[in-house]
Amino acid sequence: MSAPATTDTSAQLFAGLPDAKPSSLAQWWALTGRIVWVMATKGELIIAVITPLVFTLGFYLPLKYVMQFKGIDYAQFVMPIIVLQTMSFTMMSNAQRAAFEALTGLNTRMQTMPIGIMVPLLARQSAGMVRSIVALAGAIGWGHMIGFRFVGGMGQAVLFCVFSLAVGTVLAIGADGLGSLTKSPEQLSQALTLPTLIFGMLSCGFVPESGFPEWIRPFVRNQPISQLSFALRDMAAGVITWEVLWVPLVWLIGMAVAFLPLAVWASVRRS
């Protein structure tokens, strides 16, 4: 007999309050903060700084004297591929996070809650951007220690950083889609590592095109890693031109057009 009275009392207590209106911006901020906090407490941001150091030592030291003998400033030459490999690790981090959230059912749980449909994907990308910025700062810092410099001034340096982060973002979007679909962090990491190594080694990021056999030079010269490294190298030297920039831009836009629908569909679909 007391239940109706209790209901009436509760209704009177909350009668003057406005209806709850979930804010997608606040949700995005909270989810992004959660991911960044996890990365900070689990040492992922420290790893993001150490990883480019490993790349710098592993790529620079073995070929430094060989390239110096050929008259090549190898610190300037190799820095783009160090940055690109660093961005690829952000890609793998995003892929593993998306796969883990799909595997544990977190994606399904958030789909049943009043959360904006694009919020989880945007939060993962925003957190990935934080990791990319930290990793890029580390890569430039380690590069400075081996002699890398931005010869073209502040404007070209900013363009170098923006372009690098754009590459990392596009790769992270594609990897996020694959992670949400596969739900296997371990297998996905192995699957992404192999093409990254193959395209990296068969590129003009480590050695000039003349260092490859003639039969494979067309592939080496025109594949995306080489074209991206050409653009970044010219940005660092302050001599970037549209003739060099338009090809990597086409690659970047093409990958974004292919990856973005995949990531959105994989993130919002009901499993």
Protein backbone atom coordinates (compact mmCIF):
# COMPACT_ATOMS: atom_id res chain seq x y z
CA MET A 1 0.00 0.00 0.00
CA SER A 2 3.02 2.33 0.54
CA ALA A 3 4.49 1.93 -2.97
CA PRO A 4 2.24 4.55 -4.70
CA ALA A 5 3.07 7.08 -2.02
CA THR A 6 6.78 6.45 -2.47
CA THR A 7 6.45 6.84 -6.23
CA ASP A 8 4.56 10.11 -5.85
CA THR A 9 7.21 11.43 -3.45
CA SER A 10 10.04 10.56 -5.86
CA ALA A 11 8.21 12.23 -8.72
CA GLN A 12 7.79 15.39 -6.65
CA LEU A 13 11.49 15.41 -5.68
CA PHE A 14 12.70 15.28 -9.30
CA ALA A 15 9.84 17.28 -10.85
CA GLY A 16 11.81 20.51 -11.03
CA LEU A 17 14.96 19.03 -12.54
CA PRO A 18 15.58 19.31 -16.30
CA ASP A 19 15.57 16.17 -18.44
CA ALA A 20 18.97 14.52 -18.80
CA LYS A 21 20.57 15.28 -22.15
CA PRO A 22 23.70 13.22 -22.73
CA SER A 23 26.47 15.31 -24.25
CA SER A 24 28.51 13.55 -26.92
CA LEU A 25 31.34 16.02 -26.31
CA ALA A 26 31.45 15.19 -22.60
CA GLN A 27 31.29 11.47 -23.39
CA TRP A 28 34.15 11.81 -25.89
CA TRP A 29 36.21 13.72 -23.34
CA ALA A 30 35.59 11.13 -20.62
CA LEU A 31 36.38 8.14 -22.83
CA THR A 32 39.50 9.81 -24.26
CA GLY A 33 40.67 10.66 -20.76
CA ARG A 34 40.12 7.07 -19.68
CA ILE A 35 42.25 5.69 -22.52
CA VAL A 36 45.02 8.27 -22.03
CA TRP A 37 45.05 7.51 -18.29
CA VAL A 38 45.43 3.81 -19.03
CA MET A 39 48.26 4.54 -21.44
CA ALA A 40 50.02 6.73 -18.88
CA THR A 41 49.64 4.32 -15.95
CA LYS A 42 50.62 1.24 -17.95
CA GLY A 43 53.74 2.82 -19.43
CA GLU A 44 52.52 3.07 -23.02
CA LEU A 45 53.57 6.71 -23.27
CA ILE A 46 57.04 5.83 -22.01
CA ILE A 47 57.24 3.10 -24.63
CA ALA A 48 56.13 5.67 -27.21
CA VAL A 49 59.25 7.68 -26.39
CA ILE A 50 61.61 4.69 -26.24
CA THR A 51 60.41 3.09 -29.50
CA PRO A 52 61.82 5.82 -31.79
CA LEU A 53 65.13 5.55 -29.91
CA VAL A 54 65.28 1.87 -30.86
CA PHE A 55 64.49 2.76 -34.47
CA THR A 56 67.07 5.56 -34.47
CA LEU A 57 69.87 3.35 -33.20
CA GLY A 58 68.83 0.32 -35.27
CA PHE A 59 68.50 2.22 -38.54
CA TYR A 60 71.17 4.90 -38.21
CA LEU A 61 74.20 3.12 -36.77
CA PRO A 62 74.51 0.17 -39.21
CA LEU A 63 74.51 2.34 -42.36
CA LYS A 64 75.93 5.62 -41.10
CA TYR A 65 79.49 5.16 -42.36
CA VAL A 66 78.46 3.49 -45.60
CA MET A 67 76.23 6.43 -46.50
CA GLN A 68 78.83 8.93 -45.29
CA PHE A 69 81.30 7.36 -47.71
CA LYS A 70 78.76 8.03 -50.50
CA GLY A 71 78.41 11.65 -49.45
CA ILE A 72 74.95 11.29 -47.86
CA ASP A 73 74.04 12.97 -44.57
CA TYR A 74 72.39 9.86 -43.22
CA ALA A 75 70.76 11.56 -40.21
CA GLN A 76 68.76 13.74 -42.59
CA PHE A 77 68.15 10.88 -44.99
CA VAL A 78 66.90 8.26 -42.53
CA MET A 79 64.79 10.48 -40.28
CA PRO A 80 61.59 10.19 -42.38
CA ILE A 81 61.53 6.39 -42.20
CA ILE A 82 62.16 6.55 -38.44
CA VAL A 83 59.13 8.82 -38.09
CA LEU A 84 57.00 6.63 -40.37
CA GLN A 85 57.93 3.48 -38.46
CA THR A 86 57.12 5.31 -35.23
CA MET A 87 53.68 6.21 -36.59
CA SER A 88 53.16 2.56 -37.56
CA PHE A 89 53.50 1.59 -33.89
CA THR A 90 50.69 4.00 -33.05
CA MET A 91 48.69 2.20 -35.73
CA MET A 92 49.34 -1.13 -34.03
CA SER A 93 48.46 0.31 -30.61
CA ASN A 94 45.09 1.51 -31.92
CA ALA A 95 44.45 -1.83 -33.57
CA GLN A 96 45.14 -3.73 -30.37
CA ARG A 97 42.95 -1.39 -28.31
CA ALA A 98 40.03 -1.70 -30.73
CA ALA A 99 40.41 -5.48 -30.86
CA PHE A 100 40.56 -5.70 -27.07
CA GLU A 101 37.42 -3.60 -26.62
CA ALA A 102 35.59 -5.73 -29.18
CA LEU A 103 36.87 -8.96 -27.61
CA THR A 104 35.84 -8.04 -24.06
CA GLY A 105 32.40 -6.86 -25.15
CA LEU A 106 32.98 -3.22 -24.23
CA ASN A 107 31.82 -2.08 -27.67
CA THR A 108 28.57 -4.05 -27.34
CA ARG A 109 27.99 -2.67 -23.86
CA MET A 110 28.46 0.93 -25.00
CA GLN A 111 26.03 0.37 -27.88
CA THR A 112 23.31 -0.37 -25.30
CA MET A 113 24.02 2.87 -23.43
CA PRO A 114 23.01 6.45 -24.34
CA ILE A 115 26.41 7.16 -25.90
CA GLY A 116 26.92 8.89 -29.23
CA ILE A 117 27.38 6.33 -31.96
CA MET A 118 30.73 7.74 -33.09
CA VAL A 119 32.07 8.58 -29.63
CA PRO A 120 34.04 5.35 -28.96
CA LEU A 121 35.81 5.51 -32.34
CA LEU A 122 36.62 9.21 -31.94
CA ALA A 123 37.88 8.63 -28.39
CA ARG A 124 40.26 5.90 -29.55
CA GLN A 125 41.52 8.12 -32.35
CA SER A 126 42.02 11.08 -30.02
CA ALA A 127 43.97 8.97 -27.56
CA GLY A 128 45.99 7.59 -30.46
CA MET A 129 46.76 11.17 -31.49
CA VAL A 130 48.14 11.84 -28.01
CA ARG A 131 50.40 8.82 -28.35
CA SER A 132 51.48 9.92 -31.83
CA ILE A 133 52.40 13.39 -30.60
CA VAL A 134 54.47 11.95 -27.75
CA ALA A 135 56.16 9.46 -30.10
CA LEU A 136 56.86 12.12 -32.74
CA ALA A 137 58.39 14.43 -30.15
CA GLY A 138 60.58 11.55 -29.01
CA ALA A 139 61.61 10.72 -32.58
CA ILE A 140 62.57 14.33 -33.34
CA GLY A 141 64.46 14.56 -30.06
CA TRP A 142 66.48 11.40 -30.72
CA GLY A 143 67.00 12.52 -34.31
CA HIS A 144 68.42 15.81 -33.08
CA MET A 145 71.00 13.86 -31.07
CA ILE A 146 72.30 12.11 -34.20
CA GLY A 147 72.44 15.32 -36.20
CA PHE A 148 69.00 15.73 -37.75
CA ARG A 149 67.91 19.34 -38.25
CA PHE A 150 64.98 21.24 -39.75
CA VAL A 151 66.90 23.24 -42.31
CA GLY A 152 63.86 24.96 -43.82
CA GLY A 153 62.76 26.90 -40.76
CA MET A 154 59.72 26.78 -38.49
CA GLY A 155 57.06 26.66 -41.21
CA GLN A 156 58.54 23.57 -42.86
CA ALA A 157 59.09 21.98 -39.44
CA VAL A 158 55.41 22.45 -38.57
CA LEU A 159 54.42 21.02 -41.96
CA PHE A 160 56.68 18.03 -41.31
CA CYS A 161 54.99 17.37 -37.97
CA VAL A 162 51.43 17.89 -39.26
CA PHE A 163 52.04 15.62 -42.24
CA SER A 164 53.56 12.93 -40.01
CA LEU A 165 50.59 13.05 -37.63
CA ALA A 166 48.19 12.90 -40.58
CA VAL A 167 49.90 9.72 -41.79
CA GLY A 168 49.70 8.23 -38.30
CA THR A 169 46.00 9.14 -38.01
CA VAL A 170 45.05 7.60 -41.35
CA LEU A 171 46.91 4.39 -40.52
CA ALA A 172 45.33 4.30 -37.04
CA ILE A 173 41.83 4.65 -38.53
CA GLY A 174 42.37 1.65 -40.79
CA ALA A 175 43.91 -0.38 -37.99
CA ASP A 176 41.00 0.50 -35.70
CA GLY A 177 38.56 -0.94 -38.22
CA LEU A 178 40.55 -4.14 -38.56
CA GLY A 179 40.83 -4.44 -34.78
CA SER A 180 37.09 -4.08 -34.26
CA LEU A 181 36.45 -6.78 -36.86
CA THR A 182 39.06 -9.37 -35.88
CA LYS A 183 38.72 -9.19 -32.07
CA SER A 184 42.21 -10.75 -31.79
CA PRO A 185 44.94 -8.37 -30.61
CA GLU A 186 47.74 -10.93 -30.98
CA GLN A 187 46.91 -12.12 -34.48
CA LEU A 188 46.24 -8.59 -35.70
CA SER A 189 49.58 -7.35 -34.39
CA GLN A 190 51.38 -10.12 -36.27
CA ALA A 191 49.38 -9.45 -39.43
CA LEU A 192 50.22 -5.73 -39.41
CA THR A 193 53.90 -6.18 -38.58
CA LEU A 194 54.76 -8.14 -41.73
CA PRO A 195 53.54 -5.65 -44.38
CA THR A 196 55.01 -2.77 -42.35
CA LEU A 197 58.44 -4.42 -42.43
CA ILE A 198 58.20 -5.40 -46.11
CA PHE A 199 57.14 -1.96 -47.33
CA GLY A 200 59.67 -0.30 -45.02
CA MET A 201 62.62 -2.37 -46.17
CA LEU A 202 61.65 -2.15 -49.85
CA SER A 203 61.51 1.63 -49.79
CA CYS A 204 63.77 4.61 -50.35
CA GLY A 205 63.63 5.35 -46.65
CA PHE A 206 66.82 3.47 -45.77
CA VAL A 207 68.86 3.62 -48.97
CA PRO A 208 68.53 5.55 -52.24
CA GLU A 209 66.72 3.99 -55.17
CA SER A 210 70.09 3.26 -56.80
CA GLY A 211 70.83 0.78 -54.00
CA PHE A 212 68.19 -1.65 -55.30
CA PRO A 213 68.33 -3.97 -58.32
CA GLU A 214 66.94 -2.34 -61.45
CA TRP A 215 64.03 -4.79 -61.79
CA ILE A 216 62.49 -3.75 -58.46
CA ARG A 217 63.22 -0.02 -58.59
CA PRO A 218 59.83 1.00 -60.06
CA PHE A 219 58.03 -0.63 -57.11
CA VAL A 220 60.48 0.78 -54.58
CA ARG A 221 60.20 4.28 -55.99
CA ASN A 222 56.40 4.44 -56.31
CA GLN A 223 55.14 2.57 -53.28
CA PRO A 224 53.58 4.75 -50.53
CA ILE A 225 56.36 4.54 -47.92
CA SER A 226 58.92 5.85 -50.41
CA GLN A 227 56.64 8.65 -51.58
CA LEU A 228 55.85 9.69 -48.00
CA SER A 229 59.55 9.64 -47.11
CA PHE A 230 60.36 11.82 -50.15
CA ALA A 231 57.89 14.44 -48.96
CA LEU A 232 59.09 14.39 -45.34
CA ARG A 233 62.74 14.57 -46.43
CA ASP A 234 62.06 17.64 -48.55
CA MET A 235 60.05 19.26 -45.76
CA ALA A 236 62.98 18.80 -43.37
CA ALA A 237 65.31 20.31 -45.99
CA GLY A 238 62.92 23.17 -46.68
CA VAL A 239 62.66 22.44 -50.41
CA ILE A 240 59.25 20.78 -50.66
CA THR A 241 57.44 21.42 -53.94
CA TRP A 242 54.00 20.51 -55.25
CA GLU A 243 55.61 18.13 -57.77
CA VAL A 244 56.91 16.05 -54.85
CA LEU A 245 53.96 16.56 -52.50
CA TRP A 246 50.99 15.68 -54.70
CA VAL A 247 51.79 11.96 -55.03
CA PRO A 248 52.02 11.24 -51.26
CA LEU A 249 48.90 13.37 -50.79
CA VAL A 250 47.05 11.16 -53.27
CA TRP A 251 48.23 8.08 -51.38
CA LEU A 252 47.16 9.61 -48.06
CA ILE A 253 43.74 10.71 -49.29
CA GLY A 254 43.19 7.38 -51.01
CA MET A 255 43.96 5.46 -47.83
CA ALA A 256 41.67 7.75 -45.83
CA VAL A 257 38.81 7.19 -48.29
CA ALA A 258 39.31 3.43 -48.04
CA PHE A 259 39.89 3.18 -44.28
CA LEU A 260 37.35 5.62 -42.83
CA PRO A 261 34.16 3.82 -43.98
CA LEU A 262 35.63 0.52 -42.78
CA ALA A 263 36.44 1.93 -39.34
CA VAL A 264 33.01 3.57 -38.95
CA TRP A 265 31.13 0.46 -40.04
CA ALA A 266 33.22 -1.85 -37.84
CA SER A 267 32.74 0.42 -34.83
CA VAL A 268 28.97 0.93 -35.07
CA ARG A 269 27.86 -2.50 -36.28
CA ARG A 270 26.01 -4.78 -33.88
CA SER A 271 28.02 -7.90 -33.11
